Amino acid sequence: MNNIYFTSDHHFGHKNIIKFSNRPFSSVDEMDQEMINRWNEKVQPEDSVYHLGDVGLCSPGRLREILDQLNGTIYLIKGNHEKSAMSCRDRFEWVRGYHELKVEDADCKKGVQLLCLSHYAMRVWNASHWGTYHLYGHSHGSLPDLPDSRSFDIGVDCHDFYPLDYQEVKDIMNQKNWVAPFGD
Protein backbone atom coordinates (compact mmCIF):
# COMPACT_ATOMS: atom_id res chain seq x y z
CA MET A 1 0.00 0.00 0.00
CA ASN A 2 1.29 3.44 -0.92
CA ASN A 3 1.46 6.00 1.89
CA ILE A 4 1.08 9.75 1.69
CA TYR A 5 3.56 11.96 3.53
CA PHE A 6 3.75 15.68 4.23
CA THR A 7 6.73 17.86 5.07
CA SER A 8 8.21 21.32 4.56
CA ASP A 9 11.17 23.64 5.00
CA HIS A 10 14.15 21.33 4.69
CA HIS A 11 16.35 24.18 3.45
CA PHE A 12 18.84 21.62 2.14
CA GLY A 13 22.26 23.22 1.70
CA HIS A 14 21.37 26.32 3.74
CA LYS A 15 24.12 26.86 6.29
CA ASN A 16 22.44 29.79 8.06
CA ILE A 17 19.22 27.86 8.78
CA ILE A 18 21.14 25.90 11.40
CA LYS A 19 21.54 29.08 13.42
CA PHE A 20 18.25 30.75 12.43
CA SER A 21 16.13 27.75 13.43
CA ASN A 22 18.44 26.45 16.16
CA ARG A 23 18.91 23.12 14.40
CA PRO A 24 21.05 20.54 16.25
CA PHE A 25 23.62 20.05 13.51
CA SER A 26 27.29 21.05 13.44
CA SER A 27 27.44 21.50 9.66
CA VAL A 28 25.24 21.77 6.60
CA ASP A 29 26.55 18.42 5.34
CA GLU A 30 25.55 16.73 8.60
CA MET A 31 22.12 18.40 8.45
CA ASP A 32 21.51 17.41 4.84
CA GLN A 33 22.57 13.80 5.37
CA GLU A 34 20.50 13.37 8.53
CA MET A 35 17.39 14.79 6.86
CA ILE A 36 17.92 12.50 3.84
CA ASN A 37 18.26 9.55 6.24
CA ARG A 38 15.13 10.46 8.20
CA TRP A 39 13.12 10.98 5.00
CA ASN A 40 14.15 7.58 3.62
CA GLU A 41 13.64 5.90 6.99
CA LYS A 42 9.90 6.51 6.58
CA VAL A 43 9.23 7.10 2.89
CA GLN A 44 9.38 4.14 0.50
CA PRO A 45 10.01 4.49 -3.26
CA GLU A 46 6.31 3.95 -4.11
CA ASP A 47 5.03 6.55 -1.58
CA SER A 48 3.87 10.10 -2.29
CA VAL A 49 5.35 13.13 -0.53
CA TYR A 50 3.76 16.57 -0.53
CA HIS A 51 6.56 19.04 0.20
CA LEU A 52 5.14 22.39 1.26
CA GLY A 53 8.04 24.51 0.15
CA ASP A 54 11.59 25.68 0.76
CA VAL A 55 13.23 22.46 -0.35
CA GLY A 56 16.75 23.84 -0.61
CA LEU A 57 18.98 26.88 -0.71
CA CYS A 58 22.00 25.55 -2.54
CA SER A 59 23.16 25.24 -6.12
CA PRO A 60 20.78 23.46 -8.50
CA GLY A 61 23.41 20.74 -8.99
CA ARG A 62 23.71 20.08 -5.26
CA LEU A 63 19.93 20.09 -4.84
CA ARG A 64 19.60 17.60 -7.71
CA GLU A 65 22.07 15.28 -5.93
CA ILE A 66 19.96 15.48 -2.77
CA LEU A 67 16.61 15.04 -4.51
CA ASP A 68 17.93 11.98 -6.35
CA GLN A 69 18.61 10.35 -2.95
CA LEU A 70 15.05 10.88 -1.65
CA ASN A 71 12.46 8.11 -1.88
CA GLY A 72 8.97 8.67 -3.21
CA THR A 73 7.15 10.75 -5.75
CA ILE A 74 7.47 14.37 -4.64
CA TYR A 75 4.78 17.00 -5.20
CA LEU A 76 6.03 20.53 -4.51
CA ILE A 77 3.96 23.38 -3.13
CA LYS A 78 6.16 26.40 -3.87
CA GLY A 79 7.68 28.28 -0.99
CA ASN A 80 9.59 31.52 -1.05
CA HIS A 81 12.98 29.84 -1.65
CA GLU A 82 12.55 27.68 -4.74
CA LYS A 83 15.07 29.05 -7.26
CA SER A 84 17.16 25.86 -7.21
CA ALA A 85 14.07 23.64 -7.05
CA MET A 86 12.75 25.24 -10.23
CA SER A 87 16.00 24.25 -11.93
CA CYS A 88 15.18 20.65 -10.90
CA ARG A 89 11.50 20.91 -11.80
CA ASP A 90 11.50 17.55 -13.58
CA ARG A 91 12.27 15.81 -10.24
CA PHE A 92 8.80 16.80 -8.98
CA GLU A 93 5.55 15.23 -10.14
CA TRP A 94 4.18 18.76 -10.27
CA VAL A 95 4.84 22.21 -8.77
CA ARG A 96 1.96 24.42 -7.57
CA GLY A 97 1.41 27.41 -5.33
CA TYR A 98 -1.47 25.76 -3.45
CA HIS A 99 -3.20 22.39 -3.57
CA GLU A 100 -6.35 20.79 -2.22
CA LEU A 101 -5.84 17.07 -1.69
CA LYS A 102 -8.64 14.58 -1.11
CA VAL A 103 -7.66 11.51 0.89
CA GLU A 104 -9.95 8.53 1.21
CA ASP A 105 -10.71 8.02 4.90
CA ALA A 106 -13.52 5.77 6.11
CA ASP A 107 -13.65 7.70 9.40
CA CYS A 108 -14.78 10.86 7.61
CA LYS A 109 -18.42 11.72 7.11
CA LYS A 110 -18.34 11.30 3.32
CA GLY A 111 -15.37 8.94 3.27
CA VAL A 112 -12.96 11.68 2.19
CA GLN A 113 -10.78 14.13 4.11
CA LEU A 114 -9.87 17.37 2.34
CA LEU A 115 -6.45 18.87 3.06
CA CYS A 116 -5.52 22.40 2.01
CA LEU A 117 -1.77 22.56 1.42
CA SER A 118 0.10 25.85 1.35
CA HIS A 119 3.56 27.09 2.21
CA TYR A 120 1.96 29.84 4.25
CA ALA A 121 -0.36 29.61 7.26
CA MET A 122 -3.94 30.76 6.82
CA ARG A 123 -6.52 31.71 9.44
CA VAL A 124 -9.32 30.31 7.30
CA TRP A 125 -9.23 28.09 4.22
CA ASN A 126 -11.64 26.26 1.95
CA ALA A 127 -14.24 24.43 4.07
CA SER A 128 -12.34 25.09 7.30
CA HIS A 129 -15.72 25.39 9.03
CA TRP A 130 -16.45 21.79 7.97
CA GLY A 131 -13.23 20.32 9.36
CA THR A 132 -10.91 20.50 6.39
CA TYR A 133 -7.27 20.17 7.42
CA HIS A 134 -4.73 22.88 6.63
CA LEU A 135 -1.01 22.10 6.57
CA TYR A 136 1.59 24.82 6.13
CA GLY A 137 5.28 25.53 6.55
CA HIS A 138 7.34 28.72 6.35
CA SER A 139 7.24 29.60 10.05
CA HIS A 140 9.73 27.00 11.35
CA GLY A 141 7.63 26.48 14.49
CA SER A 142 7.49 30.18 15.37
CA LEU A 143 3.68 30.45 15.11
CA PRO A 144 1.78 29.26 18.16
CA ASP A 145 -0.28 26.16 17.44
CA LEU A 146 -3.99 26.86 17.79
CA PRO A 147 -5.61 24.02 19.76
CA ASP A 148 -9.05 24.72 18.26
CA SER A 149 -7.93 24.90 14.63
CA ARG A 150 -7.49 21.97 12.27
CA SER A 151 -4.16 23.31 11.05
CA PHE A 152 -0.51 23.04 12.00
CA ASP A 153 3.06 23.61 10.82
CA ILE A 154 4.24 20.50 8.98
CA GLY A 155 7.81 21.78 8.70
CA VAL A 156 10.76 19.61 9.68
CA ASP A 157 11.69 21.90 12.56
CA CYS A 158 8.44 20.91 14.30
CA HIS A 159 8.65 17.14 13.71
CA ASP A 160 12.20 16.06 14.56
CA PHE A 161 13.19 16.46 10.89
CA TYR A 162 10.84 13.68 9.71
CA PRO A 163 7.97 13.81 7.23
CA LEU A 164 4.59 12.82 8.71
CA ASP A 165 2.25 10.33 7.11
CA TYR A 166 -1.48 10.92 6.76
CA GLN A 167 -2.30 8.91 9.91
CA GLU A 168 0.14 10.99 11.97
CA VAL A 169 -1.46 14.17 10.62
CA LYS A 170 -4.91 12.81 11.44
CA ASP A 171 -3.83 11.87 14.97
CA ILE A 172 -2.56 15.40 15.61
CA MET A 173 -5.76 16.90 14.24
CA ASN A 174 -7.89 14.58 16.38
CA GLN A 175 -6.12 15.82 19.52
CA LYS A 176 -7.29 19.36 18.83
CA ASN A 177 -10.37 20.91 20.43
CA TRP A 178 -11.96 21.82 17.11
CA VAL A 179 -15.76 22.09 17.11
CA ALA A 180 -17.80 22.47 13.95
CA PRO A 181 -19.44 25.91 14.13
CA PHE A 182 -22.68 24.66 12.56
CA GLY A 183 -22.94 21.34 14.40
CA ASP A 184 -23.00 18.00 12.63
C-alpha atoms as a PDB file:
ATOM      1  CA  MET A   1       0.000   0.000   0.000  1.00  0.00           C
ATOM      2  CA  ASN A   2       1.288   3.443  -0.917  1.00  0.00           C
ATOM      3  CA  ASN A   3       1.464   6.000   1.887  1.00  0.00           C
ATOM      4  CA  ILE A   4       1.077   9.753   1.691  1.00  0.00           C
ATOM      5  CA  TYR A   5       3.565  11.964   3.525  1.00  0.00           C
ATOM      6  CA  PHE A   6       3.748  15.681   4.235  1.00  0.00           C
ATOM      7  CA  THR A   7       6.727  17.864   5.073  1.00  0.00           C
ATOM      8  CA  SER A   8       8.209  21.315   4.559  1.00  0.00           C
ATOM      9  CA  ASP A   9      11.174  23.639   4.996  1.00  0.00           C
ATOM     10  CA  HIS A  10      14.151  21.328   4.690  1.00  0.00           C
ATOM     11  CA  HIS A  11      16.347  24.182   3.454  1.00  0.00           C
ATOM     12  CA  PHE A  12      18.843  21.624   2.142  1.00  0.00           C
ATOM     13  CA  GLY A  13      22.257  23.225   1.696  1.00  0.00           C
ATOM     14  CA  HIS A  14      21.372  26.321   3.742  1.00  0.00           C
ATOM     15  CA  LYS A  15      24.123  26.855   6.292  1.00  0.00           C
ATOM     16  CA  ASN A  16      22.442  29.787   8.058  1.00  0.00           C
ATOM     17  CA  ILE A  17      19.215  27.862   8.775  1.00  0.00           C
ATOM     18  CA  ILE A  18      21.141  25.901  11.403  1.00  0.00           C
ATOM     19  CA  LYS A  19      21.542  29.081  13.418  1.00  0.00           C
ATOM     20  CA  PHE A  20      18.254  30.750  12.430  1.00  0.00           C
ATOM     21  CA  SER A  21      16.135  27.747  13.432  1.00  0.00           C
ATOM     22  CA  ASN A  22      18.443  26.452  16.159  1.00  0.00           C
ATOM     23  CA  ARG A  23      18.914  23.119  14.400  1.00  0.00           C
ATOM     24  CA  PRO A  24      21.046  20.537  16.250  1.00  0.00           C
ATOM     25  CA  PHE A  25      23.624  20.047  13.509  1.00  0.00           C
ATOM     26  CA  SER A  26      27.290  21.055  13.436  1.00  0.00           C
ATOM     27  CA  SER A  27      27.437  21.502   9.663  1.00  0.00           C
ATOM     28  CA  VAL A  28      25.242  21.775   6.601  1.00  0.00           C
ATOM     29  CA  ASP A  29      26.555  18.420   5.343  1.00  0.00           C
ATOM     30  CA  GLU A  30      25.547  16.729   8.597  1.00  0.00           C
ATOM     31  CA  MET A  31      22.121  18.396   8.451  1.00  0.00           C
ATOM     32  CA  ASP A  32      21.514  17.406   4.837  1.00  0.00           C
ATOM     33  CA  GLN A  33      22.571  13.797   5.369  1.00  0.00           C
ATOM     34  CA  GLU A  34      20.495  13.374   8.532  1.00  0.00           C
ATOM     35  CA  MET A  35      17.392  14.794   6.859  1.00  0.00           C
ATOM     36  CA  ILE A  36      17.918  12.498   3.840  1.00  0.00           C
ATOM     37  CA  ASN A  37      18.259   9.549   6.238  1.00  0.00           C
ATOM     38  CA  ARG A  38      15.129  10.460   8.203  1.00  0.00           C
ATOM     39  CA  TRP A  39      13.118  10.983   5.001  1.00  0.00           C
ATOM     40  CA  ASN A  40      14.147   7.585   3.619  1.00  0.00           C
ATOM     41  CA  GLU A  41      13.643   5.896   6.988  1.00  0.00           C
ATOM     42  CA  LYS A  42       9.901   6.506   6.585  1.00  0.00           C
ATOM     43  CA  VAL A  43       9.229   7.099   2.888  1.00  0.00           C
ATOM     44  CA  GLN A  44       9.381   4.141   0.505  1.00  0.00           C
ATOM     45  CA  PRO A  45      10.006   4.489  -3.264  1.00  0.00           C
ATOM     46  CA  GLU A  46       6.311   3.950  -4.106  1.00  0.00           C
ATOM     47  CA  ASP A  47       5.029   6.548  -1.585  1.00  0.00           C
ATOM     48  CA  SER A  48       3.874  10.102  -2.293  1.00  0.00           C
ATOM     49  CA  VAL A  49       5.349  13.127  -0.527  1.00  0.00           C
ATOM     50  CA  TYR A  50       3.762  16.569  -0.529  1.00  0.00           C
ATOM     51  CA  HIS A  51       6.559  19.035   0.199  1.00  0.00           C
ATOM     52  CA  LEU A  52       5.142  22.387   1.260  1.00  0.00           C
ATOM     53  CA  GLY A  53       8.040  24.511   0.149  1.00  0.00           C
ATOM     54  CA  ASP A  54      11.588  25.683   0.756  1.00  0.00           C
ATOM     55  CA  VAL A  55      13.232  22.458  -0.349  1.00  0.00           C
ATOM     56  CA  GLY A  56      16.746  23.839  -0.607  1.00  0.00           C
ATOM     57  CA  LEU A  57      18.979  26.877  -0.715  1.00  0.00           C
ATOM     58  CA  CYS A  58      21.997  25.545  -2.545  1.00  0.00           C
ATOM     59  CA  SER A  59      23.157  25.241  -6.122  1.00  0.00           C
ATOM     60  CA  PRO A  60      20.779  23.459  -8.504  1.00  0.00           C
ATOM     61  CA  GLY A  61      23.408  20.737  -8.993  1.00  0.00           C
ATOM     62  CA  ARG A  62      23.711  20.084  -5.258  1.00  0.00           C
ATOM     63  CA  LEU A  63      19.934  20.090  -4.836  1.00  0.00           C
ATOM     64  CA  ARG A  64      19.598  17.604  -7.708  1.00  0.00           C
ATOM     65  CA  GLU A  65      22.074  15.283  -5.927  1.00  0.00           C
ATOM     66  CA  ILE A  66      19.965  15.476  -2.766  1.00  0.00           C
ATOM     67  CA  LEU A  67      16.614  15.044  -4.514  1.00  0.00           C
ATOM     68  CA  ASP A  68      17.926  11.981  -6.345  1.00  0.00           C
ATOM     69  CA  GLN A  69      18.605  10.348  -2.954  1.00  0.00           C
ATOM     70  CA  LEU A  70      15.055  10.878  -1.648  1.00  0.00           C
ATOM     71  CA  ASN A  71      12.455   8.113  -1.875  1.00  0.00           C
ATOM     72  CA  GLY A  72       8.973   8.668  -3.206  1.00  0.00           C
ATOM     73  CA  THR A  73       7.147  10.753  -5.747  1.00  0.00           C
ATOM     74  CA  ILE A  74       7.472  14.372  -4.642  1.00  0.00           C
ATOM     75  CA  TYR A  75       4.785  17.000  -5.203  1.00  0.00           C
ATOM     76  CA  LEU A  76       6.029  20.535  -4.510  1.00  0.00           C
ATOM     77  CA  ILE A  77       3.961  23.380  -3.132  1.00  0.00           C
ATOM     78  CA  LYS A  78       6.156  26.398  -3.872  1.00  0.00           C
ATOM     79  CA  GLY A  79       7.684  28.275  -0.988  1.00  0.00           C
ATOM     80  CA  ASN A  80       9.586  31.525  -1.055  1.00  0.00           C
ATOM     81  CA  HIS A  81      12.981  29.844  -1.652  1.00  0.00           C
ATOM     82  CA  GLU A  82      12.553  27.681  -4.743  1.00  0.00           C
ATOM     83  CA  LYS A  83      15.066  29.051  -7.255  1.00  0.00           C
ATOM     84  CA  SER A  84      17.164  25.865  -7.215  1.00  0.00           C
ATOM     85  CA  ALA A  85      14.073  23.645  -7.048  1.00  0.00           C
ATOM     86  CA  MET A  86      12.748  25.243 -10.231  1.00  0.00           C
ATOM     87  CA  SER A  87      15.997  24.246 -11.932  1.00  0.00           C
ATOM     88  CA  CYS A  88      15.181  20.653 -10.900  1.00  0.00           C
ATOM     89  CA  ARG A  89      11.501  20.906 -11.795  1.00  0.00           C
ATOM     90  CA  ASP A  90      11.497  17.548 -13.577  1.00  0.00           C
ATOM     91  CA  ARG A  91      12.266  15.807 -10.242  1.00  0.00           C
ATOM     92  CA  PHE A  92       8.797  16.798  -8.979  1.00  0.00           C
ATOM     93  CA  GLU A  93       5.552  15.231 -10.144  1.00  0.00           C
ATOM     94  CA  TRP A  94       4.176  18.764 -10.271  1.00  0.00           C
ATOM     95  CA  VAL A  95       4.841  22.212  -8.774  1.00  0.00           C
ATOM     96  CA  ARG A  96       1.963  24.419  -7.567  1.00  0.00           C
ATOM     97  CA  GLY A  97       1.412  27.408  -5.335  1.00  0.00           C
ATOM     98  CA  TYR A  98      -1.466  25.764  -3.454  1.00  0.00           C
ATOM     99  CA  HIS A  99      -3.196  22.392  -3.566  1.00  0.00           C
ATOM    100  CA  GLU A 100      -6.345  20.790  -2.217  1.00  0.00           C
ATOM    101  CA  LEU A 101      -5.837  17.066  -1.689  1.00  0.00           C
ATOM    102  CA  LYS A 102      -8.642  14.578  -1.110  1.00  0.00           C
ATOM    103  CA  VAL A 103      -7.657  11.510   0.895  1.00  0.00           C
ATOM    104  CA  GLU A 104      -9.950   8.525   1.209  1.00  0.00           C
ATOM    105  CA  ASP A 105     -10.713   8.021   4.900  1.00  0.00           C
ATOM    106  CA  ALA A 106     -13.519   5.770   6.110  1.00  0.00           C
ATOM    107  CA  ASP A 107     -13.655   7.704   9.402  1.00  0.00           C
ATOM    108  CA  CYS A 108     -14.775  10.860   7.613  1.00  0.00           C
ATOM    109  CA  LYS A 109     -18.422  11.722   7.108  1.00  0.00           C
ATOM    110  CA  LYS A 110     -18.343  11.297   3.324  1.00  0.00           C
ATOM    111  CA  GLY A 111     -15.372   8.936   3.272  1.00  0.00           C
ATOM    112  CA  VAL A 112     -12.961  11.682   2.188  1.00  0.00           C
ATOM    113  CA  GLN A 113     -10.776  14.135   4.105  1.00  0.00           C
ATOM    114  CA  LEU A 114      -9.872  17.366   2.342  1.00  0.00           C
ATOM    115  CA  LEU A 115      -6.452  18.871   3.061  1.00  0.00           C
ATOM    116  CA  CYS A 116      -5.521  22.400   2.006  1.00  0.00           C
ATOM    117  CA  LEU A 117      -1.774  22.561   1.425  1.00  0.00           C
ATOM    118  CA  SER A 118       0.100  25.850   1.354  1.00  0.00           C
ATOM    119  CA  HIS A 119       3.561  27.089   2.212  1.00  0.00           C
ATOM    120  CA  TYR A 120       1.955  29.843   4.252  1.00  0.00           C
ATOM    121  CA  ALA A 121      -0.359  29.609   7.262  1.00  0.00           C
ATOM    122  CA  MET A 122      -3.938  30.763   6.815  1.00  0.00           C
ATOM    123  CA  ARG A 123      -6.515  31.711   9.444  1.00  0.00           C
ATOM    124  CA  VAL A 124      -9.325  30.305   7.298  1.00  0.00           C
ATOM    125  CA  TRP A 125      -9.232  28.086   4.221  1.00  0.00           C
ATOM    126  CA  ASN A 126     -11.642  26.263   1.953  1.00  0.00           C
ATOM    127  CA  ALA A 127     -14.239  24.432   4.068  1.00  0.00           C
ATOM    128  CA  SER A 128     -12.339  25.092   7.300  1.00  0.00           C
ATOM    129  CA  HIS A 129     -15.716  25.395   9.027  1.00  0.00           C
ATOM    130  CA  TRP A 130     -16.452  21.793   7.969  1.00  0.00           C
ATOM    131  CA  GLY A 131     -13.234  20.323   9.361  1.00  0.00           C
ATOM    132  CA  THR A 132     -10.911  20.496   6.390  1.00  0.00           C
ATOM    133  CA  TYR A 133      -7.267  20.174   7.421  1.00  0.00           C
ATOM    134  CA  HIS A 134      -4.726  22.877   6.632  1.00  0.00           C
ATOM    135  CA  LEU A 135      -1.011  22.102   6.572  1.00  0.00           C
ATOM    136  CA  TYR A 136       1.590  24.815   6.132  1.00  0.00           C
ATOM    137  CA  GLY A 137       5.278  25.526   6.547  1.00  0.00           C
ATOM    138  CA  HIS A 138       7.338  28.716   6.350  1.00  0.00           C
ATOM    139  CA  SER A 139       7.244  29.603  10.049  1.00  0.00           C
ATOM    140  CA  HIS A 140       9.734  26.997  11.353  1.00  0.00           C
ATOM    141  CA  GLY A 141       7.631  26.483  14.485  1.00  0.00           C
ATOM    142  CA  SER A 142       7.485  30.176  15.371  1.00  0.00           C
ATOM    143  CA  LEU A 143       3.685  30.454  15.110  1.00  0.00           C
ATOM    144  CA  PRO A 144       1.783  29.260  18.159  1.00  0.00           C
ATOM    145  CA  ASP A 145      -0.277  26.156  17.443  1.00  0.00           C
ATOM    146  CA  LEU A 146      -3.985  26.857  17.794  1.00  0.00           C
ATOM    147  CA  PRO A 147      -5.612  24.019  19.757  1.00  0.00           C
ATOM    148  CA  ASP A 148      -9.052  24.719  18.264  1.00  0.00           C
ATOM    149  CA  SER A 149      -7.930  24.896  14.626  1.00  0.00           C
ATOM    150  CA  ARG A 150      -7.485  21.974  12.268  1.00  0.00           C
ATOM    151  CA  SER A 151      -4.162  23.312  11.048  1.00  0.00           C
ATOM    152  CA  PHE A 152      -0.508  23.036  11.998  1.00  0.00           C
ATOM    153  CA  ASP A 153       3.058  23.615  10.822  1.00  0.00           C
ATOM    154  CA  ILE A 154       4.235  20.500   8.975  1.00  0.00           C
ATOM    155  CA  GLY A 155       7.811  21.783   8.702  1.00  0.00           C
ATOM    156  CA  VAL A 156      10.758  19.608   9.684  1.00  0.00           C
ATOM    157  CA  ASP A 157      11.688  21.904  12.565  1.00  0.00           C
ATOM    158  CA  CYS A 158       8.443  20.905  14.298  1.00  0.00           C
ATOM    159  CA  HIS A 159       8.653  17.142  13.712  1.00  0.00           C
ATOM    160  CA  ASP A 160      12.201  16.061  14.561  1.00  0.00           C
ATOM    161  CA  PHE A 161      13.191  16.456  10.887  1.00  0.00           C
ATOM    162  CA  TYR A 162      10.839  13.681   9.707  1.00  0.00           C
ATOM    163  CA  PRO A 163       7.974  13.810   7.231  1.00  0.00           C
ATOM    164  CA  LEU A 164       4.590  12.821   8.708  1.00  0.00           C
ATOM    165  CA  ASP A 165       2.246  10.334   7.106  1.00  0.00           C
ATOM    166  CA  TYR A 166      -1.485  10.917   6.765  1.00  0.00           C
ATOM    167  CA  GLN A 167      -2.301   8.915   9.905  1.00  0.00           C
ATOM    168  CA  GLU A 168       0.144  10.990  11.973  1.00  0.00           C
ATOM    169  CA  VAL A 169      -1.457  14.173  10.624  1.00  0.00           C
ATOM    170  CA  LYS A 170      -4.915  12.814  11.435  1.00  0.00           C
ATOM    171  CA  ASP A 171      -3.830  11.867  14.971  1.00  0.00           C
ATOM    172  CA  ILE A 172      -2.559  15.401  15.615  1.00  0.00           C
ATOM    173  CA  MET A 173      -5.765  16.902  14.240  1.00  0.00           C
ATOM    174  CA  ASN A 174      -7.890  14.584  16.380  1.00  0.00           C
ATOM    175  CA  GLN A 175      -6.117  15.820  19.519  1.00  0.00           C
ATOM    176  CA  LYS A 176      -7.286  19.362  18.826  1.00  0.00           C
ATOM    177  CA  ASN A 177     -10.366  20.908  20.433  1.00  0.00           C
ATOM    178  CA  TRP A 178     -11.962  21.820  17.114  1.00  0.00           C
ATOM    179  CA  VAL A 179     -15.759  22.090  17.115  1.00  0.00           C
ATOM    180  CA  ALA A 180     -17.802  22.474  13.947  1.00  0.00           C
ATOM    181  CA  PRO A 181     -19.441  25.911  14.127  1.00  0.00           C
ATOM    182  CA  PHE A 182     -22.677  24.664  12.556  1.00  0.00           C
ATOM    183  CA  GLY A 183     -22.943  21.338  14.397  1.00  0.00           C
ATOM    184  CA  ASP A 184     -23.001  18.001  12.634  1.00  0.00           C
END
